[in-house]
Amino acid sequence: MSPGMTVADVFAVAMLGTIFLSFSVILILFACMARNASRRDAGVDNLLDELERDEKSAKQVKAASRTEDKREAWEKDGDWWKE
């Protein structure tokens, strides 16, 4: 400690340093997220397209199976709760 600084001054400087370091880390994280947000992975787009196609085909199969079933009007599908 220098002769002009008290223990309270050292504590205040340490707290200011800690706050500055914390805000710096948060700022760096936001900068990295902003930089990577502009990049788009083609694999992710392909996966999303594939999932969309699978979902459409599943709906078509389900719709086709509903028309083929011979149930009474009051009967429900076995997986009615999944919808």
PDB file of N, CA and C in Angstrom:
ATOM      1  N   MET A   1       0.835  -1.183   0.000  1.00  0.00           N
ATOM      2  CA  MET A   1       0.000   0.000   0.000  1.00  0.00           C
ATOM      3  C   MET A   1       0.871   1.233   0.000  1.00  0.00           C
ATOM      4  N   SER A   2       0.404   2.185  -0.754  1.00  0.00           N
ATOM      5  CA  SER A   2       1.137   3.457  -0.720  1.00  0.00           C
ATOM      6  C   SER A   2       0.702   4.237   0.514  1.00  0.00           C
ATOM      7  N   PRO A   3       1.510   5.197   0.960  1.00  0.00           N
ATOM      8  CA  PRO A   3       1.198   5.901   2.209  1.00  0.00           C
ATOM      9  C   PRO A   3      -0.115   6.676   2.158  1.00  0.00           C
ATOM     10  N   GLY A   4      -0.599   7.049   0.967  1.00  0.00           N
ATOM     11  CA  GLY A   4      -1.819   7.836   0.895  1.00  0.00           C
ATOM     12  C   GLY A   4      -3.087   7.000   0.819  1.00  0.00           C
ATOM     13  N   MET A   5      -2.962   5.662   0.687  1.00  0.00           N
ATOM     14  CA  MET A   5      -4.145   4.809   0.531  1.00  0.00           C
ATOM     15  C   MET A   5      -4.461   4.089   1.833  1.00  0.00           C
ATOM     16  N   THR A   6      -5.736   4.089   2.174  1.00  0.00           N
ATOM     17  CA  THR A   6      -6.170   3.353   3.359  1.00  0.00           C
ATOM     18  C   THR A   6      -6.678   1.982   2.924  1.00  0.00           C
ATOM     19  N   VAL A   7      -7.040   1.178   3.878  1.00  0.00           N
ATOM     20  CA  VAL A   7      -7.566  -0.153   3.590  1.00  0.00           C
ATOM     21  C   VAL A   7      -8.881  -0.036   2.824  1.00  0.00           C
ATOM     22  N   ALA A   8      -9.671   0.951   3.159  1.00  0.00           N
ATOM     23  CA  ALA A   8     -10.943   1.152   2.461  1.00  0.00           C
ATOM     24  C   ALA A   8     -10.699   1.540   1.006  1.00  0.00           C
ATOM     25  N   ASP A   9      -9.666   2.318   0.741  1.00  0.00           N
ATOM     26  CA  ASP A   9      -9.342   2.697  -0.639  1.00  0.00           C
ATOM     27  C   ASP A   9      -8.910   1.474  -1.457  1.00  0.00           C
ATOM     28  N   VAL A  10      -8.123   0.609  -0.851  1.00  0.00           N
ATOM     29  CA  VAL A  10      -7.681  -0.600  -1.536  1.00  0.00           C
ATOM     30  C   VAL A  10      -8.884  -1.480  -1.855  1.00  0.00           C
ATOM     31  N   PHE A  11      -9.801  -1.599  -0.894  1.00  0.00           N
ATOM     32  CA  PHE A  11     -11.009  -2.386  -1.115  1.00  0.00           C
ATOM     33  C   PHE A  11     -11.841  -1.801  -2.257  1.00  0.00           C
ATOM     34  N   ALA A  12     -11.993  -0.490  -2.301  1.00  0.00           N
ATOM     35  CA  ALA A  12     -12.768   0.161  -3.356  1.00  0.00           C
ATOM     36  C   ALA A  12     -12.117  -0.046  -4.727  1.00  0.00           C
ATOM     37  N   VAL A  13     -10.801   0.059  -4.802  1.00  0.00           N
ATOM     38  CA  VAL A  13     -10.102  -0.148  -6.064  1.00  0.00           C
ATOM     39  C   VAL A  13     -10.242  -1.606  -6.508  1.00  0.00           C
ATOM     40  N   ALA A  14     -10.160  -2.530  -5.566  1.00  0.00           N
ATOM     41  CA  ALA A  14     -10.332  -3.944  -5.898  1.00  0.00           C
ATOM     42  C   ALA A  14     -11.747  -4.218  -6.407  1.00  0.00           C
ATOM     43  N   MET A  15     -12.744  -3.617  -5.804  1.00  0.00           N
ATOM     44  CA  MET A  15     -14.126  -3.790  -6.253  1.00  0.00           C
ATOM     45  C   MET A  15     -14.328  -3.199  -7.653  1.00  0.00           C
ATOM     46  N   LEU A  16     -13.749  -2.040  -7.891  1.00  0.00           N
ATOM     47  CA  LEU A  16     -13.848  -1.443  -9.219  1.00  0.00           C
ATOM     48  C   LEU A  16     -13.168  -2.318 -10.268  1.00  0.00           C
ATOM     49  N   GLY A  17     -12.044  -2.900  -9.920  1.00  0.00           N
ATOM     50  CA  GLY A  17     -11.359  -3.811 -10.832  1.00  0.00           C
ATOM     51  C   GLY A  17     -12.191  -5.051 -11.117  1.00  0.00           C
ATOM     52  N   THR A  18     -12.829  -5.591 -10.081  1.00  0.00           N
ATOM     53  CA  THR A  18     -13.684  -6.765 -10.246  1.00  0.00           C
ATOM     54  C   THR A  18     -14.884  -6.435 -11.133  1.00  0.00           C
ATOM     55  N   ILE A  19     -15.502  -5.306 -10.910  1.00  0.00           N
ATOM     56  CA  ILE A  19     -16.648  -4.896 -11.728  1.00  0.00           C
ATOM     57  C   ILE A  19     -16.213  -4.687 -13.178  1.00  0.00           C
ATOM     58  N   PHE A  20     -15.088  -4.030 -13.389  1.00  0.00           N
ATOM     59  CA  PHE A  20     -14.581  -3.819 -14.741  1.00  0.00           C
ATOM     60  C   PHE A  20     -14.300  -5.150 -15.432  1.00  0.00           C
ATOM     61  N   LEU A  21     -13.692  -6.086 -14.723  1.00  0.00           N
ATOM     62  CA  LEU A  21     -13.399  -7.398 -15.290  1.00  0.00           C
ATOM     63  C   LEU A  21     -14.697  -8.151 -15.636  1.00  0.00           C
ATOM     64  N   SER A  22     -15.686  -8.079 -14.778  1.00  0.00           N
ATOM     65  CA  SER A  22     -16.962  -8.755 -15.027  1.00  0.00           C
ATOM     66  C   SER A  22     -17.648  -8.195 -16.261  1.00  0.00           C
ATOM     67  N   PHE A  23     -17.724  -6.879 -16.360  1.00  0.00           N
ATOM     68  CA  PHE A  23     -18.356  -6.269 -17.528  1.00  0.00           C
ATOM     69  C   PHE A  23     -17.564  -6.552 -18.804  1.00  0.00           C
ATOM     70  N   SER A  24     -16.258  -6.650 -18.688  1.00  0.00           N
ATOM     71  CA  SER A  24     -15.436  -6.966 -19.853  1.00  0.00           C
ATOM     72  C   SER A  24     -15.737  -8.381 -20.358  1.00  0.00           C
ATOM     73  N   VAL A  25     -15.866  -9.324 -19.448  1.00  0.00           N
ATOM     74  CA  VAL A  25     -16.182 -10.699 -19.837  1.00  0.00           C
ATOM     75  C   VAL A  25     -17.550 -10.756 -20.506  1.00  0.00           C
ATOM     76  N   ILE A  26     -18.532 -10.075 -19.941  1.00  0.00           N
ATOM     77  CA  ILE A  26     -19.877 -10.066 -20.528  1.00  0.00           C
ATOM     78  C   ILE A  26     -19.847  -9.415 -21.912  1.00  0.00           C
ATOM     79  N   LEU A  27     -19.108  -8.341 -22.055  1.00  0.00           N
ATOM     80  CA  LEU A  27     -18.997  -7.664 -23.346  1.00  0.00           C
ATOM     81  C   LEU A  27     -18.341  -8.578 -24.393  1.00  0.00           C
ATOM     82  N   ILE A  28     -17.313  -9.293 -23.990  1.00  0.00           N
ATOM     83  CA  ILE A  28     -16.647 -10.220 -24.914  1.00  0.00           C
ATOM     84  C   ILE A  28     -17.606 -11.345 -25.323  1.00  0.00           C
ATOM     85  N   LEU A  29     -18.387 -11.854 -24.373  1.00  0.00           N
ATOM     86  CA  LEU A  29     -19.359 -12.899 -24.704  1.00  0.00           C
ATOM     87  C   LEU A  29     -20.393 -12.394 -25.706  1.00  0.00           C
ATOM     88  N   PHE A  30     -20.915 -11.197 -25.496  1.00  0.00           N
ATOM     89  CA  PHE A  30     -21.883 -10.629 -26.433  1.00  0.00           C
ATOM     90  C   PHE A  30     -21.265 -10.405 -27.812  1.00  0.00           C
ATOM     91  N   ALA A  31     -20.018  -9.963 -27.849  1.00  0.00           N
ATOM     92  CA  ALA A  31     -19.342  -9.753 -29.129  1.00  0.00           C
ATOM     93  C   ALA A  31     -19.168 -11.082 -29.872  1.00  0.00           C
ATOM     94  N   CYS A  32     -18.796 -12.135 -29.153  1.00  0.00           N
ATOM     95  CA  CYS A  32     -18.653 -13.452 -29.788  1.00  0.00           C
ATOM     96  C   CYS A  32     -19.990 -13.976 -30.286  1.00  0.00           C
ATOM     97  N   MET A  33     -21.042 -13.784 -29.508  1.00  0.00           N
ATOM     98  CA  MET A  33     -22.370 -14.235 -29.941  1.00  0.00           C
ATOM     99  C   MET A  33     -22.828 -13.465 -31.173  1.00  0.00           C
ATOM    100  N   ALA A  34     -22.587 -12.164 -31.215  1.00  0.00           N
ATOM    101  CA  ALA A  34     -23.001 -11.365 -32.364  1.00  0.00           C
ATOM    102  C   ALA A  34     -22.217 -11.765 -33.614  1.00  0.00           C
ATOM    103  N   ARG A  35     -20.956 -12.071 -33.439  1.00  0.00           N
ATOM    104  CA  ARG A  35     -20.134 -12.466 -34.584  1.00  0.00           C
ATOM    105  C   ARG A  35     -20.570 -13.816 -35.124  1.00  0.00           C
ATOM    106  N   ASN A  36     -20.873 -14.758 -34.240  1.00  0.00           N
ATOM    107  CA  ASN A  36     -21.267 -16.093 -34.675  1.00  0.00           C
ATOM    108  C   ASN A  36     -22.727 -16.166 -35.113  1.00  0.00           C
ATOM    109  N   ALA A  37     -23.540 -15.203 -34.738  1.00  0.00           N
ATOM    110  CA  ALA A  37     -24.947 -15.219 -35.132  1.00  0.00           C
ATOM    111  C   ALA A  37     -25.095 -14.979 -36.627  1.00  0.00           C
ATOM    112  N   SER A  38     -24.174 -14.264 -37.221  1.00  0.00           N
ATOM    113  CA  SER A  38     -24.273 -13.978 -38.648  1.00  0.00           C
ATOM    114  C   SER A  38     -23.876 -15.194 -39.490  1.00  0.00           C
ATOM    115  N   ARG A  39     -23.155 -16.128 -38.902  1.00  0.00           N
ATOM    116  CA  ARG A  39     -22.752 -17.336 -39.628  1.00  0.00           C
ATOM    117  C   ARG A  39     -23.873 -18.369 -39.529  1.00  0.00           C
ATOM    118  N   ARG A  40     -24.127 -19.037 -40.629  1.00  0.00           N
ATOM    119  CA  ARG A  40     -25.180 -20.054 -40.649  1.00  0.00           C
ATOM    120  C   ARG A  40     -24.577 -21.350 -41.182  1.00  0.00           C
ATOM    121  N   ASP A  41     -24.763 -22.419 -40.447  1.00  0.00           N
ATOM    122  CA  ASP A  41     -24.224 -23.709 -40.850  1.00  0.00           C
ATOM    123  C   ASP A  41     -25.185 -24.379 -41.825  1.00  0.00           C
ATOM    124  N   ALA A  42     -24.679 -24.815 -42.958  1.00  0.00           N
ATOM    125  CA  ALA A  42     -25.522 -25.468 -43.967  1.00  0.00           C
ATOM    126  C   ALA A  42     -26.059 -26.795 -43.452  1.00  0.00           C
ATOM    127  N   GLY A  43     -25.326 -27.469 -42.605  1.00  0.00           N
ATOM    128  CA  GLY A  43     -25.790 -28.728 -42.033  1.00  0.00           C
ATOM    129  C   GLY A  43     -27.042 -28.555 -41.192  1.00  0.00           C
ATOM    130  N   VAL A  44     -27.120 -27.444 -40.486  1.00  0.00           N
ATOM    131  CA  VAL A  44     -28.299 -27.173 -39.677  1.00  0.00           C
ATOM    132  C   VAL A  44     -29.503 -26.939 -40.577  1.00  0.00           C
ATOM    133  N   ASP A  45     -29.325 -26.210 -41.653  1.00  0.00           N
ATOM    134  CA  ASP A  45     -30.420 -25.977 -42.592  1.00  0.00           C
ATOM    135  C   ASP A  45     -30.889 -27.292 -43.213  1.00  0.00           C
ATOM    136  N   ASN A  46     -29.953 -28.161 -43.573  1.00  0.00           N
ATOM    137  CA  ASN A  46     -30.316 -29.462 -44.139  1.00  0.00           C
ATOM    138  C   ASN A  46     -31.090 -30.301 -43.135  1.00  0.00           C
ATOM    139  N   LEU A  47     -30.655 -30.264 -41.884  1.00  0.00           N
ATOM    140  CA  LEU A  47     -31.341 -31.022 -40.841  1.00  0.00           C
ATOM    141  C   LEU A  47     -32.752 -30.502 -40.620  1.00  0.00           C
ATOM    142  N   LEU A  48     -32.917 -29.184 -40.601  1.00  0.00           N
ATOM    143  CA  LEU A  48     -34.243 -28.610 -40.426  1.00  0.00           C
ATOM    144  C   LEU A  48     -35.161 -28.973 -41.585  1.00  0.00           C
ATOM    145  N   ASP A  49     -34.642 -28.953 -42.800  1.00  0.00           N
ATOM    146  CA  ASP A  49     -35.440 -29.348 -43.964  1.00  0.00           C
ATOM    147  C   ASP A  49     -35.844 -30.821 -43.872  1.00  0.00           C
ATOM    148  N   GLU A  50     -34.915 -31.663 -43.447  1.00  0.00           N
ATOM    149  CA  GLU A  50     -35.206 -33.087 -43.321  1.00  0.00           C
ATOM    150  C   GLU A  50     -36.278 -33.333 -42.256  1.00  0.00           C
ATOM    151  N   LEU A  51     -36.177 -32.637 -41.132  1.00  0.00           N
ATOM    152  CA  LEU A  51     -37.183 -32.782 -40.085  1.00  0.00           C
ATOM    153  C   LEU A  51     -38.558 -32.329 -40.567  1.00  0.00           C
ATOM    154  N   GLU A  52     -38.593 -31.259 -41.337  1.00  0.00           N
ATOM    155  CA  GLU A  52     -39.862 -30.769 -41.875  1.00  0.00           C
ATOM    156  C   GLU A  52     -40.473 -31.789 -42.840  1.00  0.00           C
ATOM    157  N   ARG A  53     -39.641 -32.391 -43.693  1.00  0.00           N
ATOM    158  CA  ARG A  53     -40.135 -33.419 -44.623  1.00  0.00           C
ATOM    159  C   ARG A  53     -40.656 -34.639 -43.863  1.00  0.00           C
ATOM    160  N   ASP A  54     -39.934 -35.054 -42.827  1.00  0.00           N
ATOM    161  CA  ASP A  54     -40.371 -36.197 -42.023  1.00  0.00           C
ATOM    162  C   ASP A  54     -41.705 -35.922 -41.346  1.00  0.00           C
ATOM    163  N   GLU A  55     -41.857 -34.706 -40.848  1.00  0.00           N
ATOM    164  CA  GLU A  55     -43.102 -34.340 -40.178  1.00  0.00           C
ATOM    165  C   GLU A  55     -44.276 -34.349 -41.161  1.00  0.00           C
ATOM    166  N   LYS A  56     -44.052 -33.839 -42.366  1.00  0.00           N
ATOM    167  CA  LYS A  56     -45.111 -33.835 -43.374  1.00  0.00           C
ATOM    168  C   LYS A  56     -45.485 -35.257 -43.777  1.00  0.00           C
ATOM    169  N   SER A  57     -44.483 -36.113 -43.962  1.00  0.00           N
ATOM    170  CA  SER A  57     -44.779 -37.489 -44.356  1.00  0.00           C
ATOM    171  C   SER A  57     -45.495 -38.234 -43.235  1.00  0.00           C
ATOM    172  N   ALA A  58     -45.153 -37.959 -41.988  1.00  0.00           N
ATOM    173  CA  ALA A  58     -45.826 -38.599 -40.857  1.00  0.00           C
ATOM    174  C   ALA A  58     -47.290 -38.163 -40.798  1.00  0.00           C
ATOM    175  N   LYS A  59     -47.555 -36.894 -41.080  1.00  0.00           N
ATOM    176  CA  LYS A  59     -48.936 -36.410 -41.089  1.00  0.00           C
ATOM    177  C   LYS A  59     -49.727 -37.067 -42.210  1.00  0.00           C
ATOM    178  N   GLN A  60     -49.097 -37.248 -43.362  1.00  0.00           N
ATOM    179  CA  GLN A  60     -49.787 -37.887 -44.483  1.00  0.00           C
ATOM    180  C   GLN A  60     -50.096 -39.346 -44.168  1.00  0.00           C
ATOM    181  N   VAL A  61     -49.167 -40.054 -43.553  1.00  0.00           N
ATOM    182  CA  VAL A  61     -49.394 -41.449 -43.190  1.00  0.00           C
ATOM    183  C   VAL A  61     -50.498 -41.548 -42.154  1.00  0.00           C
ATOM    184  N   LYS A  62     -50.478 -40.626 -41.195  1.00  0.00           N
ATOM    185  CA  LYS A  62     -51.496 -40.629 -40.145  1.00  0.00           C
ATOM    186  C   LYS A  62     -52.868 -40.336 -40.733  1.00  0.00           C
ATOM    187  N   ALA A  63     -52.936 -39.380 -41.655  1.00  0.00           N
ATOM    188  CA  ALA A  63     -54.205 -39.059 -42.289  1.00  0.00           C
ATOM    189  C   ALA A  63     -54.707 -40.228 -43.121  1.00  0.00           C
ATOM    190  N   ALA A  64     -53.810 -40.922 -43.799  1.00  0.00           N
ATOM    191  CA  ALA A  64     -54.201 -42.076 -44.604  1.00  0.00           C
ATOM    192  C   ALA A  64     -54.683 -43.214 -43.714  1.00  0.00           C
ATOM    193  N   SER A  65     -54.060 -43.411 -42.576  1.00  0.00           N
ATOM    194  CA  SER A  65     -54.464 -44.492 -41.674  1.00  0.00           C
ATOM    195  C   SER A  65     -55.813 -44.190 -41.033  1.00  0.00           C
ATOM    196  N   ARG A  66     -56.120 -42.942 -40.815  1.00  0.00           N
ATOM    197  CA  ARG A  66     -57.414 -42.577 -40.225  1.00  0.00           C
ATOM    198  C   ARG A  66     -58.561 -42.875 -41.190  1.00  0.00           C
ATOM    199  N   THR A  67     -58.341 -42.659 -42.460  1.00  0.00           N
ATOM    200  CA  THR A  67     -59.404 -42.910 -43.426  1.00  0.00           C
ATOM    201  C   THR A  67     -59.627 -44.404 -43.616  1.00  0.00           C
ATOM    202  N   GLU A  68     -58.607 -45.232 -43.377  1.00  0.00           N
ATOM    203  CA  GLU A  68     -58.725 -46.672 -43.559  1.00  0.00           C
ATOM    204  C   GLU A  68     -59.378 -47.352 -42.359  1.00  0.00           C
ATOM    205  N   ASP A  69     -59.275 -46.767 -41.180  1.00  0.00           N
ATOM    206  CA  ASP A  69     -59.821 -47.395 -39.983  1.00  0.00           C
ATOM    207  C   ASP A  69     -61.344 -47.414 -40.029  1.00  0.00           C
ATOM    208  N   LYS A  70     -61.885 -48.537 -39.578  1.00  0.00           N
ATOM    209  CA  LYS A  70     -63.330 -48.664 -39.475  1.00  0.00           C
ATOM    210  C   LYS A  70     -63.677 -48.671 -37.998  1.00  0.00           C
ATOM    211  N   ARG A  71     -63.873 -47.496 -37.446  1.00  0.00           N
ATOM    212  CA  ARG A  71     -64.215 -47.361 -36.033  1.00  0.00           C
ATOM    213  C   ARG A  71     -65.590 -46.733 -35.923  1.00  0.00           C
ATOM    214  N   GLU A  72     -66.119 -46.914 -34.767  1.00  0.00           N
ATOM    215  CA  GLU A  72     -67.372 -46.224 -34.461  1.00  0.00           C
ATOM    216  C   GLU A  72     -67.070 -44.743 -34.275  1.00  0.00           C
ATOM    217  N   ALA A  73     -68.055 -43.905 -34.393  1.00  0.00           N
ATOM    218  CA  ALA A  73     -67.853 -42.459 -34.304  1.00  0.00           C
ATOM    219  C   ALA A  73     -67.367 -42.034 -32.919  1.00  0.00           C
ATOM    220  N   TRP A  74     -67.705 -42.798 -31.890  1.00  0.00           N
ATOM    221  CA  TRP A  74     -67.344 -42.406 -30.535  1.00  0.00           C
ATOM    222  C   TRP A  74     -65.962 -42.900 -30.121  1.00  0.00           C
ATOM    223  N   GLU A  75     -65.333 -43.771 -30.911  1.00  0.00           N
ATOM    224  CA  GLU A  75     -64.023 -44.304 -30.561  1.00  0.00           C
ATOM    225  C   GLU A  75     -62.916 -43.330 -30.940  1.00  0.00           C
ATOM    226  N   LYS A  76     -61.882 -43.283 -30.094  1.00  0.00           N
ATOM    227  CA  LYS A  76     -60.721 -42.432 -30.349  1.00  0.00           C
ATOM    228  C   LYS A  76     -59.537 -43.299 -30.756  1.00  0.00           C
ATOM    229  N   ASP A  77     -58.548 -42.654 -31.377  1.00  0.00           N
ATOM    230  CA  ASP A  77     -57.301 -43.342 -31.658  1.00  0.00           C
ATOM    231  C   ASP A  77     -56.613 -43.704 -30.347  1.00  0.00           C
ATOM    232  N   GLY A  78     -55.762 -44.712 -30.395  1.00  0.00           N
ATOM    233  CA  GLY A  78     -55.029 -45.110 -29.201  1.00  0.00           C
ATOM    234  C   GLY A  78     -54.030 -44.057 -28.747  1.00  0.00           C
ATOM    235  N   ASP A  79     -53.577 -43.217 -29.661  1.00  0.00           N
ATOM    236  CA  ASP A  79     -52.602 -42.176 -29.306  1.00  0.00           C
ATOM    237  C   ASP A  79     -53.210 -40.783 -29.368  1.00  0.00           C
ATOM    238  N   TRP A  80     -54.470 -40.651 -29.009  1.00  0.00           N
ATOM    239  CA  TRP A  80     -55.151 -39.356 -29.080  1.00  0.00           C
ATOM    240  C   TRP A  80     -54.502 -38.324 -28.176  1.00  0.00           C
ATOM    241  N   TRP A  81     -53.884 -38.768 -27.092  1.00  0.00           N
ATOM    242  CA  TRP A  81     -53.287 -37.849 -26.125  1.00  0.00           C
ATOM    243  C   TRP A  81     -51.969 -37.269 -26.606  1.00  0.00           C
ATOM    244  N   LYS A  82     -51.386 -37.818 -27.676  1.00  0.00           N
ATOM    245  CA  LYS A  82     -50.114 -37.300 -28.198  1.00  0.00           C
ATOM    246  C   LYS A  82     -50.295 -36.069 -29.055  1.00  0.00           C
ATOM    247  N   GLU A  83     -51.479 -35.794 -29.498  1.00  0.00           N
ATOM    248  CA  GLU A  83     -51.703 -34.675 -30.420  1.00  0.00           C
ATOM    249  C   GLU A  83     -51.654 -33.352 -29.752  1.00  0.00           C
TER     250      GLU A  83
END
